[in-house]
Structures are given as structure tokens and as C-alpha cells.
Amino acid sequence: MANRAALTCEFLGTLLLVFCAVGAAVLAGEYIGTLGTALAFGLVLLALVSSFGAVSGCHVNPAVTLGMLCAGRLEPRTAVRYWAAQFAGGIAGAALLFVVASQVPGLKVKETFGSNGYGGRSAVGISVLGAFLAEVALTFLLVFVVLAVSRGRATLAGSAGLPVGMAFAVAQLVGGPLTGASMNPARSLGPALFAGGAALTQLWLFLAAPLVGGALAALAQRLTHPAPAAPMSLAEPEASAAAARTR
């Protein structure tokens, strides 16, 4: 049951993140602007951490899961299953958003659709090197904050949602005009599949750079917060829930 619950949380959380946050950019971007879109990303992540954090950790991001793995807080088998759930959720969320967007007359979806990009697909025309470095740095910020507030565990308490959501919103404000601010391979894959064209040819960067940023954040966190942590398996959420019920 715990395995199913944790993986369901990662699937559903990533689905909702893509549908709501990327949906804000696709469906309402011209009305809410860069600030509104950044707030949408931050607020939905805050809500998801508060809802799912105690069950799965609410990683909803392969870069966060890699950071947890590199920090020694997650078993490799659990990390692989989380990645599968996250990528499936990202694709499902993008599919749902595509269906909704297709019902809006005149809304352009081809080669855009909230996908990430550099060069001619960047609002400021950032180079491929600049895009890579920006994605590494922004993901580093996000994953470092997640690792710091998770206090030596692979799960997040509800109170951790605020700093994580704030870090995500700030990173979106900085990275939105640069690349569309991925910081999450699952968030990038789903929209790119439906956008097609250049969104797919540039996808490699938004799969690789966030993972580099997540791994570097884990290395830095080991230096700043050196206390060891036992790796979490998918059985741990059930034990935590049982302990909570006995209090």
C-alpha cells in the first residue's frame, strides 16, 4: 500500500504541477504576466508539498529525486520508481493541458505550449551555454532548499512547502525570460512532446542541466549540512504514517 501511495503521489503531483503551473503560462500568460506565472509555479508547489510531502516527499521532479539519491537519503530502487512516476505524470499533465488548450480558439500550441528553449526560442535569445548554466544554477537553488528543509530525510513536512515554493517562484522569475525556467526534466518532457519541432530538438538541455544542478546541490549540502541520514525506501512512508496514528 505504501509503495502504491508514494508512487501515486509522485505521479499525481507531477501531473498537477504541469497542468496548473505550465497551464498558467499557456492559458493565462498574456493576462498574468511573468510575475503571475512565477507565483502560479510557486503556489502550486507549496500546495503539493503540503498535501503529499508526508507521503512521498513530494519530489515531483527527477532532479530533486537525484539530489536525494546523491545525498544518501533515498535508495536507488526507490529513486528509479520515483523517476518513472514523475515522467509519466509529466506526460499525463501535458496531455490533459493539451486537450484543454485545444478547446481555446486561436491558441497557438505548435512549437510553444509552455516548452523550454534557448536561442530563438528564448525571450532574450540566450545562448546554449548560458541556458545550460542558468538551468544548473536555478535547479541548484531549488534542490539545495529542498535538501535543507527536509532535515536529513527524503520526505518534506507541510511547513517545508513555503520555503520550497518561494525558491521555485524566485527561480521562475529569474529563469522565465531566459529559458522558460525548467529545473525539472519531467516538466520539460511533457510539454515538449506536444509542442514538437524545435522544442524536441532542444529538449536534451532541459533534461541534462537540471540533473547536473540537482547533483551539485547534493554535494554542496553534504558540506553545509554534514549530518548523515538513512536512505528512505518506499516502505518508510507507511511506517511514518503508522507512528503518527499512535501519537
C-alpha atoms as a PDB file:
ATOM      1  CA  MET A   1       0.000   0.000   0.000  1.00  0.00           C
ATOM      2  CA  ALA A   2       2.764   2.431   0.923  1.00  0.00           C
ATOM      3  CA  ASN A   3       4.562   1.786  -2.344  1.00  0.00           C
ATOM      4  CA  ARG A   4       1.408   2.487  -4.295  1.00  0.00           C
ATOM      5  CA  ALA A   5       0.572   5.579  -2.242  1.00  0.00           C
ATOM      6  CA  ALA A   6       4.026   7.151  -2.607  1.00  0.00           C
ATOM      7  CA  LEU A   7       4.232   6.475  -6.340  1.00  0.00           C
ATOM      8  CA  THR A   8       0.683   7.705  -6.848  1.00  0.00           C
ATOM      9  CA  CYS A   9       1.590  10.933  -5.051  1.00  0.00           C
ATOM     10  CA  GLU A  10       4.610  11.427  -7.318  1.00  0.00           C
ATOM     11  CA  PHE A  11       2.548  10.727 -10.440  1.00  0.00           C
ATOM     12  CA  LEU A  12      -0.412  12.873  -9.425  1.00  0.00           C
ATOM     13  CA  GLY A  13       1.762  15.648  -8.013  1.00  0.00           C
ATOM     14  CA  THR A  14       3.795  15.958 -11.215  1.00  0.00           C
ATOM     15  CA  LEU A  15       0.609  15.822 -13.287  1.00  0.00           C
ATOM     16  CA  LEU A  16      -0.918  18.686 -11.297  1.00  0.00           C
ATOM     17  CA  LEU A  17       2.310  20.681 -11.350  1.00  0.00           C
ATOM     18  CA  VAL A  18       2.463  20.548 -15.136  1.00  0.00           C
ATOM     19  CA  PHE A  19      -1.236  21.099 -15.706  1.00  0.00           C
ATOM     20  CA  CYS A  20      -1.608  24.013 -13.276  1.00  0.00           C
ATOM     21  CA  ALA A  21       1.786  25.737 -13.491  1.00  0.00           C
ATOM     22  CA  VAL A  22       2.536  25.241 -17.182  1.00  0.00           C
ATOM     23  CA  GLY A  23      -1.173  25.796 -17.778  1.00  0.00           C
ATOM     24  CA  ALA A  24      -0.848  29.245 -16.210  1.00  0.00           C
ATOM     25  CA  ALA A  25       1.760  30.122 -18.836  1.00  0.00           C
ATOM     26  CA  VAL A  26      -0.091  28.523 -21.751  1.00  0.00           C
ATOM     27  CA  LEU A  27      -3.661  29.574 -20.975  1.00  0.00           C
ATOM     28  CA  ALA A  28      -3.241  32.781 -18.982  1.00  0.00           C
ATOM     29  CA  GLY A  29       0.286  34.046 -19.642  1.00  0.00           C
ATOM     30  CA  GLU A  30      -0.801  37.165 -21.526  1.00  0.00           C
ATOM     31  CA  TYR A  31      -3.128  38.121 -18.670  1.00  0.00           C
ATOM     32  CA  ILE A  32      -0.987  37.391 -15.610  1.00  0.00           C
ATOM     33  CA  GLY A  33       2.492  38.103 -16.993  1.00  0.00           C
ATOM     34  CA  THR A  34       5.854  36.818 -15.778  1.00  0.00           C
ATOM     35  CA  LEU A  35       5.149  37.572 -12.125  1.00  0.00           C
ATOM     36  CA  GLY A  36       1.783  35.835 -12.191  1.00  0.00           C
ATOM     37  CA  THR A  37       3.254  32.780 -13.883  1.00  0.00           C
ATOM     38  CA  ALA A  38       6.079  32.584 -11.333  1.00  0.00           C
ATOM     39  CA  LEU A  39       3.569  32.835  -8.493  1.00  0.00           C
ATOM     40  CA  ALA A  40       1.489  30.069 -10.080  1.00  0.00           C
ATOM     41  CA  PHE A  41       4.519  27.755 -10.119  1.00  0.00           C
ATOM     42  CA  GLY A  42       5.473  28.601  -6.551  1.00  0.00           C
ATOM     43  CA  LEU A  43       1.983  28.393  -5.098  1.00  0.00           C
ATOM     44  CA  VAL A  44       1.069  25.096  -6.710  1.00  0.00           C
ATOM     45  CA  LEU A  45       4.319  23.545  -5.461  1.00  0.00           C
ATOM     46  CA  LEU A  46       3.604  24.888  -1.967  1.00  0.00           C
ATOM     47  CA  ALA A  47       0.154  23.275  -2.063  1.00  0.00           C
ATOM     48  CA  LEU A  48       1.508  19.970  -3.366  1.00  0.00           C
ATOM     49  CA  VAL A  49       4.226  19.751  -0.703  1.00  0.00           C
ATOM     50  CA  SER A  50       1.621  20.426   1.968  1.00  0.00           C
ATOM     51  CA  SER A  51      -0.616  17.699   0.522  1.00  0.00           C
ATOM     52  CA  PHE A  52       1.854  14.967  -0.464  1.00  0.00           C
ATOM     53  CA  GLY A  53       5.046  15.769   1.423  1.00  0.00           C
ATOM     54  CA  ALA A  54       4.440  13.415   4.328  1.00  0.00           C
ATOM     55  CA  VAL A  55       3.623  10.512   1.990  1.00  0.00           C
ATOM     56  CA  SER A  56       6.235  10.553  -0.770  1.00  0.00           C
ATOM     57  CA  GLY A  57       8.302  13.646  -0.032  1.00  0.00           C
ATOM     58  CA  CYS A  58       6.562  15.365  -2.960  1.00  0.00           C
ATOM     59  CA  HIS A  59       9.691  15.450  -5.100  1.00  0.00           C
ATOM     60  CA  VAL A  60       7.608  15.764  -8.315  1.00  0.00           C
ATOM     61  CA  ASN A  61      10.931  16.424 -10.056  1.00  0.00           C
ATOM     62  CA  PRO A  62      13.615  13.946 -11.196  1.00  0.00           C
ATOM     63  CA  ALA A  63      16.315  16.491 -10.258  1.00  0.00           C
ATOM     64  CA  VAL A  64      15.072  16.576  -6.651  1.00  0.00           C
ATOM     65  CA  THR A  65      14.992  12.778  -6.555  1.00  0.00           C
ATOM     66  CA  LEU A  66      18.548  12.659  -7.916  1.00  0.00           C
ATOM     67  CA  GLY A  67      19.613  15.146  -5.256  1.00  0.00           C
ATOM     68  CA  MET A  68      18.065  12.955  -2.564  1.00  0.00           C
ATOM     69  CA  LEU A  69      19.800   9.908  -4.036  1.00  0.00           C
ATOM     70  CA  CYS A  70      23.197  11.625  -4.203  1.00  0.00           C
ATOM     71  CA  ALA A  71      22.727  12.906  -0.647  1.00  0.00           C
ATOM     72  CA  GLY A  72      22.265   9.317   0.542  1.00  0.00           C
ATOM     73  CA  ARG A  73      18.647   9.827   1.572  1.00  0.00           C
ATOM     74  CA  LEU A  74      16.994   7.594  -0.994  1.00  0.00           C
ATOM     75  CA  GLU A  75      17.557   4.007  -2.074  1.00  0.00           C
ATOM     76  CA  PRO A  76      18.419   3.579  -5.783  1.00  0.00           C
ATOM     77  CA  ARG A  77      15.421   1.305  -6.396  1.00  0.00           C
ATOM     78  CA  THR A  78      13.087   3.893  -4.903  1.00  0.00           C
ATOM     79  CA  ALA A  79      14.673   6.658  -6.999  1.00  0.00           C
ATOM     80  CA  VAL A  80      14.116   4.722 -10.236  1.00  0.00           C
ATOM     81  CA  ARG A  81      10.457   4.142  -9.396  1.00  0.00           C
ATOM     82  CA  TYR A  82      10.010   7.795  -8.486  1.00  0.00           C
ATOM     83  CA  TRP A  83      11.508   8.821 -11.845  1.00  0.00           C
ATOM     84  CA  ALA A  84       9.117   6.562 -13.717  1.00  0.00           C
ATOM     85  CA  ALA A  85       6.127   8.001 -11.844  1.00  0.00           C
ATOM     86  CA  GLN A  86       7.306  11.590 -12.355  1.00  0.00           C
ATOM     87  CA  PHE A  87       7.890  11.300 -16.100  1.00  0.00           C
ATOM     88  CA  ALA A  88       4.561   9.521 -16.545  1.00  0.00           C
ATOM     89  CA  GLY A  89       2.846  12.254 -14.527  1.00  0.00           C
ATOM     90  CA  GLY A  90       4.517  14.998 -16.541  1.00  0.00           C
ATOM     91  CA  ILE A  91       3.333  13.480 -19.809  1.00  0.00           C
ATOM     92  CA  ALA A  92      -0.184  12.928 -18.456  1.00  0.00           C
ATOM     93  CA  GLY A  93      -0.379  16.510 -17.174  1.00  0.00           C
ATOM     94  CA  ALA A  94       0.772  17.856 -20.540  1.00  0.00           C
ATOM     95  CA  ALA A  95      -1.768  15.654 -22.336  1.00  0.00           C
ATOM     96  CA  LEU A  96      -4.589  16.987 -20.163  1.00  0.00           C
ATOM     97  CA  LEU A  97      -3.404  20.551 -20.723  1.00  0.00           C
ATOM     98  CA  PHE A  98      -3.202  19.940 -24.478  1.00  0.00           C
ATOM     99  CA  VAL A  99      -6.812  18.779 -24.548  1.00  0.00           C
ATOM    100  CA  VAL A 100      -7.943  21.887 -22.659  1.00  0.00           C
ATOM    101  CA  ALA A 101      -5.792  24.238 -24.752  1.00  0.00           C
ATOM    102  CA  SER A 102      -7.161  22.708 -27.944  1.00  0.00           C
ATOM    103  CA  GLN A 103     -10.613  23.934 -26.937  1.00  0.00           C
ATOM    104  CA  VAL A 104      -9.455  27.585 -26.922  1.00  0.00           C
ATOM    105  CA  PRO A 105      -9.959  29.139 -30.384  1.00  0.00           C
ATOM    106  CA  GLY A 106      -6.813  30.649 -31.843  1.00  0.00           C
ATOM    107  CA  LEU A 107      -4.461  29.476 -29.102  1.00  0.00           C
ATOM    108  CA  LYS A 108      -1.079  28.560 -30.602  1.00  0.00           C
ATOM    109  CA  VAL A 109       0.267  25.246 -29.392  1.00  0.00           C
ATOM    110  CA  LYS A 110       2.727  24.068 -32.055  1.00  0.00           C
ATOM    111  CA  GLU A 111       6.388  24.506 -31.002  1.00  0.00           C
ATOM    112  CA  THR A 112       5.388  26.569 -27.954  1.00  0.00           C
ATOM    113  CA  PHE A 113       2.963  25.050 -25.428  1.00  0.00           C
ATOM    114  CA  GLY A 114       4.927  26.101 -22.357  1.00  0.00           C
ATOM    115  CA  SER A 115       8.051  24.295 -23.534  1.00  0.00           C
ATOM    116  CA  ASN A 116      11.543  25.464 -22.675  1.00  0.00           C
ATOM    117  CA  GLY A 117      14.074  26.833 -25.121  1.00  0.00           C
ATOM    118  CA  TYR A 118      17.196  28.830 -25.910  1.00  0.00           C
ATOM    119  CA  GLY A 119      18.378  30.891 -28.852  1.00  0.00           C
ATOM    120  CA  GLY A 120      15.409  31.892 -30.977  1.00  0.00           C
ATOM    121  CA  ARG A 121      13.060  30.147 -28.534  1.00  0.00           C
ATOM    122  CA  SER A 122      14.222  32.283 -25.600  1.00  0.00           C
ATOM    123  CA  ALA A 123      12.588  35.621 -24.834  1.00  0.00           C
ATOM    124  CA  VAL A 124      16.050  37.193 -24.537  1.00  0.00           C
ATOM    125  CA  GLY A 125      17.842  34.973 -27.078  1.00  0.00           C
ATOM    126  CA  ILE A 126      20.142  33.326 -24.522  1.00  0.00           C
ATOM    127  CA  SER A 127      22.889  31.080 -25.907  1.00  0.00           C
ATOM    128  CA  VAL A 128      23.030  27.341 -25.364  1.00  0.00           C
ATOM    129  CA  LEU A 129      25.881  27.748 -22.839  1.00  0.00           C
ATOM    130  CA  GLY A 130      24.022  30.478 -20.993  1.00  0.00           C
ATOM    131  CA  ALA A 131      20.866  28.369 -20.920  1.00  0.00           C
ATOM    132  CA  PHE A 132      22.748  25.366 -19.570  1.00  0.00           C
ATOM    133  CA  LEU A 133      24.448  27.378 -16.823  1.00  0.00           C
ATOM    134  CA  ALA A 134      21.188  29.125 -15.887  1.00  0.00           C
ATOM    135  CA  GLU A 135      19.316  25.843 -15.580  1.00  0.00           C
ATOM    136  CA  VAL A 136      22.105  24.317 -13.491  1.00  0.00           C
ATOM    137  CA  ALA A 137      22.197  27.316 -11.142  1.00  0.00           C
ATOM    138  CA  LEU A 138      18.415  27.622 -10.748  1.00  0.00           C
ATOM    139  CA  THR A 139      17.978  23.894 -10.150  1.00  0.00           C
ATOM    140  CA  PHE A 140      20.831  24.036  -7.653  1.00  0.00           C
ATOM    141  CA  LEU A 141      18.895  26.655  -5.696  1.00  0.00           C
ATOM    142  CA  LEU A 142      15.675  24.654  -5.724  1.00  0.00           C
ATOM    143  CA  VAL A 143      17.211  21.297  -4.799  1.00  0.00           C
ATOM    144  CA  PHE A 144      19.505  22.810  -2.159  1.00  0.00           C
ATOM    145  CA  VAL A 145      16.500  24.385  -0.414  1.00  0.00           C
ATOM    146  CA  VAL A 146      14.577  21.105  -0.600  1.00  0.00           C
ATOM    147  CA  LEU A 147      17.502  19.197   0.906  1.00  0.00           C
ATOM    148  CA  ALA A 148      17.970  21.795   3.643  1.00  0.00           C
ATOM    149  CA  VAL A 149      14.342  21.932   4.782  1.00  0.00           C
ATOM    150  CA  SER A 150      13.829  18.175   4.610  1.00  0.00           C
ATOM    151  CA  ARG A 151      16.118  17.936   7.666  1.00  0.00           C
ATOM    152  CA  GLY A 152      18.059  14.819   6.848  1.00  0.00           C
ATOM    153  CA  ARG A 153      15.128  12.867   5.406  1.00  0.00           C
ATOM    154  CA  ALA A 154      13.739  12.280   1.928  1.00  0.00           C
ATOM    155  CA  THR A 155      10.277  13.489   2.947  1.00  0.00           C
ATOM    156  CA  LEU A 156       9.032  17.041   3.441  1.00  0.00           C
ATOM    157  CA  ALA A 157       6.776  18.220   6.254  1.00  0.00           C
ATOM    158  CA  GLY A 158       3.914  20.551   5.400  1.00  0.00           C
ATOM    159  CA  SER A 159       5.806  23.567   6.771  1.00  0.00           C
ATOM    160  CA  ALA A 160       8.553  22.984   4.203  1.00  0.00           C
ATOM    161  CA  GLY A 161       6.167  23.965   1.432  1.00  0.00           C
ATOM    162  CA  LEU A 162       6.666  27.690   1.993  1.00  0.00           C
ATOM    163  CA  PRO A 163      10.463  27.900   1.502  1.00  0.00           C
ATOM    164  CA  VAL A 164      10.346  25.391  -1.352  1.00  0.00           C
ATOM    165  CA  GLY A 165       7.518  27.260  -3.071  1.00  0.00           C
ATOM    166  CA  MET A 166       9.285  30.591  -2.579  1.00  0.00           C
ATOM    167  CA  ALA A 167      12.541  29.242  -4.022  1.00  0.00           C
ATOM    168  CA  PHE A 168      10.647  27.854  -7.009  1.00  0.00           C
ATOM    169  CA  ALA A 169       8.844  31.157  -7.617  1.00  0.00           C
ATOM    170  CA  VAL A 170      12.078  33.185  -7.406  1.00  0.00           C
ATOM    171  CA  ALA A 171      13.822  30.804  -9.797  1.00  0.00           C
ATOM    172  CA  GLN A 172      10.886  31.156 -12.194  1.00  0.00           C
ATOM    173  CA  LEU A 173      11.157  34.955 -12.048  1.00  0.00           C
ATOM    174  CA  VAL A 174      14.844  34.805 -12.944  1.00  0.00           C
ATOM    175  CA  GLY A 175      14.699  31.961 -15.431  1.00  0.00           C
ATOM    176  CA  GLY A 176      11.371  32.617 -17.119  1.00  0.00           C
ATOM    177  CA  PRO A 177      12.698  35.168 -19.632  1.00  0.00           C
ATOM    178  CA  LEU A 178      15.879  33.139 -20.135  1.00  0.00           C
ATOM    179  CA  THR A 179      14.690  29.611 -20.877  1.00  0.00           C
ATOM    180  CA  GLY A 180      11.175  29.319 -19.529  1.00  0.00           C
ATOM    181  CA  ALA A 181      12.791  28.006 -16.313  1.00  0.00           C
ATOM    182  CA  SER A 182      12.603  24.225 -16.432  1.00  0.00           C
ATOM    183  CA  MET A 183      14.526  22.994 -13.361  1.00  0.00           C
ATOM    184  CA  ASN A 184      12.555  19.786 -13.820  1.00  0.00           C
ATOM    185  CA  PRO A 185      13.094  17.208 -16.612  1.00  0.00           C
ATOM    186  CA  ALA A 186       9.558  15.818 -16.182  1.00  0.00           C
ATOM    187  CA  ARG A 187       8.070  19.307 -16.502  1.00  0.00           C
ATOM    188  CA  SER A 188      10.068  19.823 -19.726  1.00  0.00           C
ATOM    189  CA  LEU A 189       9.435  16.450 -21.352  1.00  0.00           C
ATOM    190  CA  GLY A 190       5.633  16.502 -21.304  1.00  0.00           C
ATOM    191  CA  PRO A 191       5.059  19.899 -22.977  1.00  0.00           C
ATOM    192  CA  ALA A 192       7.889  19.294 -25.491  1.00  0.00           C
ATOM    193  CA  LEU A 193       6.253  16.091 -26.706  1.00  0.00           C
ATOM    194  CA  PHE A 194       3.104  18.019 -27.613  1.00  0.00           C
ATOM    195  CA  ALA A 195       4.871  21.133 -28.894  1.00  0.00           C
ATOM    196  CA  GLY A 196       7.120  19.173 -31.249  1.00  0.00           C
ATOM    197  CA  GLY A 197       9.629  20.760 -33.621  1.00  0.00           C
ATOM    198  CA  ALA A 198      12.442  22.748 -32.015  1.00  0.00           C
ATOM    199  CA  ALA A 199      11.024  22.064 -28.546  1.00  0.00           C
ATOM    200  CA  LEU A 200      12.099  18.443 -29.005  1.00  0.00           C
ATOM    201  CA  THR A 201      15.496  19.180 -30.555  1.00  0.00           C
ATOM    202  CA  GLN A 202      16.383  21.455 -27.607  1.00  0.00           C
ATOM    203  CA  LEU A 203      14.922  19.112 -25.005  1.00  0.00           C
ATOM    204  CA  TRP A 204      18.260  17.473 -24.206  1.00  0.00           C
ATOM    205  CA  LEU A 205      19.451  20.574 -22.358  1.00  0.00           C
ATOM    206  CA  PHE A 206      16.384  20.661 -20.113  1.00  0.00           C
ATOM    207  CA  LEU A 207      16.804  17.000 -19.276  1.00  0.00           C
ATOM    208  CA  ALA A 208      20.542  17.190 -18.554  1.00  0.00           C
ATOM    209  CA  ALA A 209      21.119  20.585 -16.917  1.00  0.00           C
ATOM    210  CA  PRO A 210      18.593  20.174 -14.067  1.00  0.00           C
ATOM    211  CA  LEU A 211      20.100  16.792 -13.201  1.00  0.00           C
ATOM    212  CA  VAL A 212      23.566  18.371 -13.025  1.00  0.00           C
ATOM    213  CA  GLY A 213      22.178  21.112 -10.789  1.00  0.00           C
ATOM    214  CA  GLY A 214      20.482  18.575  -8.528  1.00  0.00           C
ATOM    215  CA  ALA A 215      23.655  16.509  -8.134  1.00  0.00           C
ATOM    216  CA  LEU A 216      25.758  19.620  -7.367  1.00  0.00           C
ATOM    217  CA  ALA A 217      23.206  20.719  -4.766  1.00  0.00           C
ATOM    218  CA  ALA A 218      23.541  17.354  -3.019  1.00  0.00           C
ATOM    219  CA  LEU A 219      27.329  17.723  -2.969  1.00  0.00           C
ATOM    220  CA  ALA A 220      27.103  21.245  -1.529  1.00  0.00           C
ATOM    221  CA  GLN A 221      24.508  20.157   1.028  1.00  0.00           C
ATOM    222  CA  ARG A 222      26.822  17.432   2.293  1.00  0.00           C
ATOM    223  CA  LEU A 223      29.390  20.163   3.023  1.00  0.00           C
ATOM    224  CA  THR A 224      26.976  22.589   4.682  1.00  0.00           C
ATOM    225  CA  HIS A 225      24.784  20.036   6.493  1.00  0.00           C
ATOM    226  CA  PRO A 226      27.121  17.078   7.138  1.00  0.00           C
ATOM    227  CA  ALA A 227      24.819  15.063   9.433  1.00  0.00           C
ATOM    228  CA  PRO A 228      24.273  11.588   7.906  1.00  0.00           C
ATOM    229  CA  ALA A 229      20.791  10.386   7.000  1.00  0.00           C
ATOM    230  CA  ALA A 230      19.489   6.855   6.493  1.00  0.00           C
ATOM    231  CA  PRO A 231      18.182   6.325   2.944  1.00  0.00           C
ATOM    232  CA  MET A 232      14.426   6.137   2.545  1.00  0.00           C
ATOM    233  CA  SER A 233      12.734   3.156   0.939  1.00  0.00           C
ATOM    234  CA  LEU A 234       9.151   3.045  -0.258  1.00  0.00           C
ATOM    235  CA  ALA A 235       8.212   1.272   2.963  1.00  0.00           C
ATOM    236  CA  GLU A 236       9.150   4.289   5.093  1.00  0.00           C
ATOM    237  CA  PRO A 237       6.044   6.431   4.455  1.00  0.00           C
ATOM    238  CA  GLU A 238       3.830   3.619   5.796  1.00  0.00           C
ATOM    239  CA  ALA A 239       5.910   3.356   8.959  1.00  0.00           C
ATOM    240  CA  SER A 240       5.755   7.116   9.432  1.00  0.00           C
ATOM    241  CA  ALA A 241       2.003   7.142   8.999  1.00  0.00           C
ATOM    242  CA  ALA A 242       1.581   4.274  11.476  1.00  0.00           C
ATOM    243  CA  ALA A 243       3.729   6.106  14.029  1.00  0.00           C
ATOM    244  CA  ALA A 244       1.642   9.255  13.567  1.00  0.00           C
ATOM    245  CA  ARG A 245      -1.572   7.325  14.219  1.00  0.00           C
ATOM    246  CA  THR A 246      -0.263   6.016  17.549  1.00  0.00           C
ATOM    247  CA  ARG A 247       0.506   9.512  18.881  1.00  0.00           C
END
